[in-house]
Amino acid sequence: MVPHMHKYKFECRTAENHKHTMSGYTEKMIGIPAFHVHYFRGVTTFNGHSHYYSGVTSRPVKTKNGHVHRIAGKSDETNGHKHKFLNYTFEDVEYISNGAIDGAFV
């Protein structure tokens, strides 16, 4: 399998009466084609405060046109609260060449 990254964008669960949008690209793939994962990390900001988040995706989930990965976890605690998140990457992949994709370095 060619090294690739997945884009993701979704809202986390509500905490303290608000949600954050989590978006970005997964990082390098680790493993073999049938069993690989990606790291992900980011920061999300809303109404004057930010949360950091990071983790490892699930292994590939086969789809009609390729595969996706499950992204789940909790953000760090800021202003006395955390946000849980659970969603999937987009099916489309971006192939890695020369270490950069749309400004994201791997």
C-alpha atoms as a PDB file:
ATOM      1  CA  MET A   1       0.000   0.000   0.000  1.00  0.00           C
ATOM      2  CA  VAL A   2       1.232   3.441  -0.882  1.00  0.00           C
ATOM      3  CA  PRO A   3       1.855   5.693   2.139  1.00  0.00           C
ATOM      4  CA  HIS A   4      -1.144   7.950   2.596  1.00  0.00           C
ATOM      5  CA  MET A   5      -3.062  10.237   4.947  1.00  0.00           C
ATOM      6  CA  HIS A   6      -6.781  10.741   5.570  1.00  0.00           C
ATOM      7  CA  LYS A   7      -8.620  14.003   6.130  1.00  0.00           C
ATOM      8  CA  TYR A   8     -11.147  14.251   8.961  1.00  0.00           C
ATOM      9  CA  LYS A   9     -13.637  16.878  10.077  1.00  0.00           C
ATOM     10  CA  PHE A  10     -16.423  16.477  12.638  1.00  0.00           C
ATOM     11  CA  GLU A  11     -17.865  17.991  15.797  1.00  0.00           C
ATOM     12  CA  CYS A  12     -17.071  16.545  19.209  1.00  0.00           C
ATOM     13  CA  ARG A  13     -19.728  15.918  21.834  1.00  0.00           C
ATOM     14  CA  THR A  14     -21.206  18.815  23.748  1.00  0.00           C
ATOM     15  CA  ALA A  15     -19.657  19.756  27.092  1.00  0.00           C
ATOM     16  CA  GLU A  16     -20.301  22.957  29.052  1.00  0.00           C
ATOM     17  CA  ASN A  17     -22.993  23.843  26.487  1.00  0.00           C
ATOM     18  CA  HIS A  18     -20.711  23.958  23.460  1.00  0.00           C
ATOM     19  CA  LYS A  19     -18.992  21.821  20.816  1.00  0.00           C
ATOM     20  CA  HIS A  20     -15.679  22.076  18.995  1.00  0.00           C
ATOM     21  CA  THR A  21     -14.928  21.161  15.399  1.00  0.00           C
ATOM     22  CA  MET A  22     -12.022  18.745  15.034  1.00  0.00           C
ATOM     23  CA  SER A  23     -10.347  18.743  11.667  1.00  0.00           C
ATOM     24  CA  GLY A  24      -7.036  17.911  10.061  1.00  0.00           C
ATOM     25  CA  TYR A  25      -5.098  15.091   8.476  1.00  0.00           C
ATOM     26  CA  THR A  26      -3.958  11.854  10.015  1.00  0.00           C
ATOM     27  CA  GLU A  27      -0.216  11.387  10.121  1.00  0.00           C
ATOM     28  CA  LYS A  28       2.064   8.636   8.843  1.00  0.00           C
ATOM     29  CA  MET A  29       0.639   5.166   8.407  1.00  0.00           C
ATOM     30  CA  ILE A  30       2.186   2.427  10.488  1.00  0.00           C
ATOM     31  CA  GLY A  31       1.758  -1.249   9.661  1.00  0.00           C
ATOM     32  CA  ILE A  32       0.894  -3.304   6.609  1.00  0.00           C
ATOM     33  CA  PRO A  33      -1.895  -2.635   4.089  1.00  0.00           C
ATOM     34  CA  ALA A  34      -4.517  -4.871   5.712  1.00  0.00           C
ATOM     35  CA  PHE A  35      -3.588  -3.781   9.227  1.00  0.00           C
ATOM     36  CA  HIS A  36      -2.339  -0.236   9.530  1.00  0.00           C
ATOM     37  CA  VAL A  37      -3.136   2.716  11.762  1.00  0.00           C
ATOM     38  CA  HIS A  38      -2.404   6.428  11.712  1.00  0.00           C
ATOM     39  CA  TYR A  39      -1.524   8.895  14.440  1.00  0.00           C
ATOM     40  CA  PHE A  40      -3.644  12.018  14.685  1.00  0.00           C
ATOM     41  CA  ARG A  41      -3.310  15.170  16.749  1.00  0.00           C
ATOM     42  CA  GLY A  42      -4.587  18.704  16.744  1.00  0.00           C
ATOM     43  CA  VAL A  43      -5.944  21.663  18.601  1.00  0.00           C
ATOM     44  CA  THR A  44      -9.461  23.032  18.436  1.00  0.00           C
ATOM     45  CA  THR A  45     -10.556  26.482  19.560  1.00  0.00           C
ATOM     46  CA  PHE A  46     -13.998  27.839  20.425  1.00  0.00           C
ATOM     47  CA  ASN A  47     -15.181  30.903  22.321  1.00  0.00           C
ATOM     48  CA  GLY A  48     -11.796  31.904  23.690  1.00  0.00           C
ATOM     49  CA  HIS A  49     -10.428  28.539  24.784  1.00  0.00           C
ATOM     50  CA  SER A  50      -8.633  25.608  23.154  1.00  0.00           C
ATOM     51  CA  HIS A  51      -8.331  21.861  23.614  1.00  0.00           C
ATOM     52  CA  TYR A  52      -5.522  19.616  22.429  1.00  0.00           C
ATOM     53  CA  TYR A  53      -6.280  16.087  21.287  1.00  0.00           C
ATOM     54  CA  SER A  54      -4.293  13.139  19.955  1.00  0.00           C
ATOM     55  CA  GLY A  55      -4.465   9.401  19.472  1.00  0.00           C
ATOM     56  CA  VAL A  56      -4.185   6.455  17.135  1.00  0.00           C
ATOM     57  CA  THR A  57      -6.890   5.523  14.630  1.00  0.00           C
ATOM     58  CA  SER A  58      -8.494   2.118  14.371  1.00  0.00           C
ATOM     59  CA  ARG A  59      -7.246  -0.321  11.770  1.00  0.00           C
ATOM     60  CA  PRO A  60      -8.821   0.137   8.303  1.00  0.00           C
ATOM     61  CA  VAL A  61     -12.552  -0.298   7.930  1.00  0.00           C
ATOM     62  CA  LYS A  62     -13.223  -1.471   4.376  1.00  0.00           C
ATOM     63  CA  THR A  63     -15.654   0.595   2.305  1.00  0.00           C
ATOM     64  CA  LYS A  64     -17.000   0.311  -1.220  1.00  0.00           C
ATOM     65  CA  ASN A  65     -14.279   2.552  -2.647  1.00  0.00           C
ATOM     66  CA  GLY A  66     -11.410   2.039  -0.203  1.00  0.00           C
ATOM     67  CA  HIS A  67     -11.265   2.370   3.566  1.00  0.00           C
ATOM     68  CA  VAL A  68     -11.769   4.708   6.524  1.00  0.00           C
ATOM     69  CA  HIS A  69     -10.454   4.747  10.100  1.00  0.00           C
ATOM     70  CA  ARG A  70     -12.335   5.308  13.339  1.00  0.00           C
ATOM     71  CA  ILE A  71     -11.128   8.250  15.426  1.00  0.00           C
ATOM     72  CA  ALA A  72     -12.136   8.275  19.091  1.00  0.00           C
ATOM     73  CA  GLY A  73     -10.948   9.718  22.369  1.00  0.00           C
ATOM     74  CA  LYS A  74     -11.115  12.702  24.697  1.00  0.00           C
ATOM     75  CA  SER A  75      -9.556  16.125  24.431  1.00  0.00           C
ATOM     76  CA  ASP A  76      -7.358  17.467  27.190  1.00  0.00           C
ATOM     77  CA  GLU A  77      -9.055  19.335  30.029  1.00  0.00           C
ATOM     78  CA  THR A  78      -9.366  23.101  29.712  1.00  0.00           C
ATOM     79  CA  ASN A  79     -11.537  25.428  31.797  1.00  0.00           C
ATOM     80  CA  GLY A  80     -12.670  22.443  33.867  1.00  0.00           C
ATOM     81  CA  HIS A  81     -14.046  20.320  31.043  1.00  0.00           C
ATOM     82  CA  LYS A  82     -13.116  17.816  28.304  1.00  0.00           C
ATOM     83  CA  HIS A  83     -14.806  16.796  25.077  1.00  0.00           C
ATOM     84  CA  LYS A  84     -15.347  13.221  23.897  1.00  0.00           C
ATOM     85  CA  PHE A  85     -15.151  12.512  20.197  1.00  0.00           C
ATOM     86  CA  LEU A  86     -16.005   9.594  17.950  1.00  0.00           C
ATOM     87  CA  ASN A  87     -16.184   9.628  14.163  1.00  0.00           C
ATOM     88  CA  TYR A  88     -14.421   8.422  11.033  1.00  0.00           C
ATOM     89  CA  THR A  89     -11.893   9.777   8.572  1.00  0.00           C
ATOM     90  CA  PHE A  90     -12.950  10.539   5.033  1.00  0.00           C
ATOM     91  CA  GLU A  91     -12.647   7.681   2.573  1.00  0.00           C
ATOM     92  CA  ASP A  92     -10.488   9.646   0.145  1.00  0.00           C
ATOM     93  CA  VAL A  93      -6.766   9.425   0.768  1.00  0.00           C
ATOM     94  CA  GLU A  94      -3.938  11.842   0.070  1.00  0.00           C
ATOM     95  CA  TYR A  95      -0.772  10.160  -1.066  1.00  0.00           C
ATOM     96  CA  ILE A  96       2.451  11.172   0.618  1.00  0.00           C
ATOM     97  CA  SER A  97       5.258  12.425  -1.574  1.00  0.00           C
ATOM     98  CA  ASN A  98       8.215  14.511  -0.448  1.00  0.00           C
ATOM     99  CA  GLY A  99       6.818  14.666   3.090  1.00  0.00           C
ATOM    100  CA  ALA A 100       4.126  17.283   2.595  1.00  0.00           C
ATOM    101  CA  ILE A 101       0.419  17.385   1.796  1.00  0.00           C
ATOM    102  CA  ASP A 102      -1.428  20.674   1.544  1.00  0.00           C
ATOM    103  CA  GLY A 103       0.964  22.222   4.054  1.00  0.00           C
ATOM    104  CA  ALA A 104       0.822  19.303   6.501  1.00  0.00           C
ATOM    105  CA  PHE A 105       4.252  17.807   7.175  1.00  0.00           C
ATOM    106  CA  VAL A 106       4.752  14.179   8.098  1.00  0.00           C
END
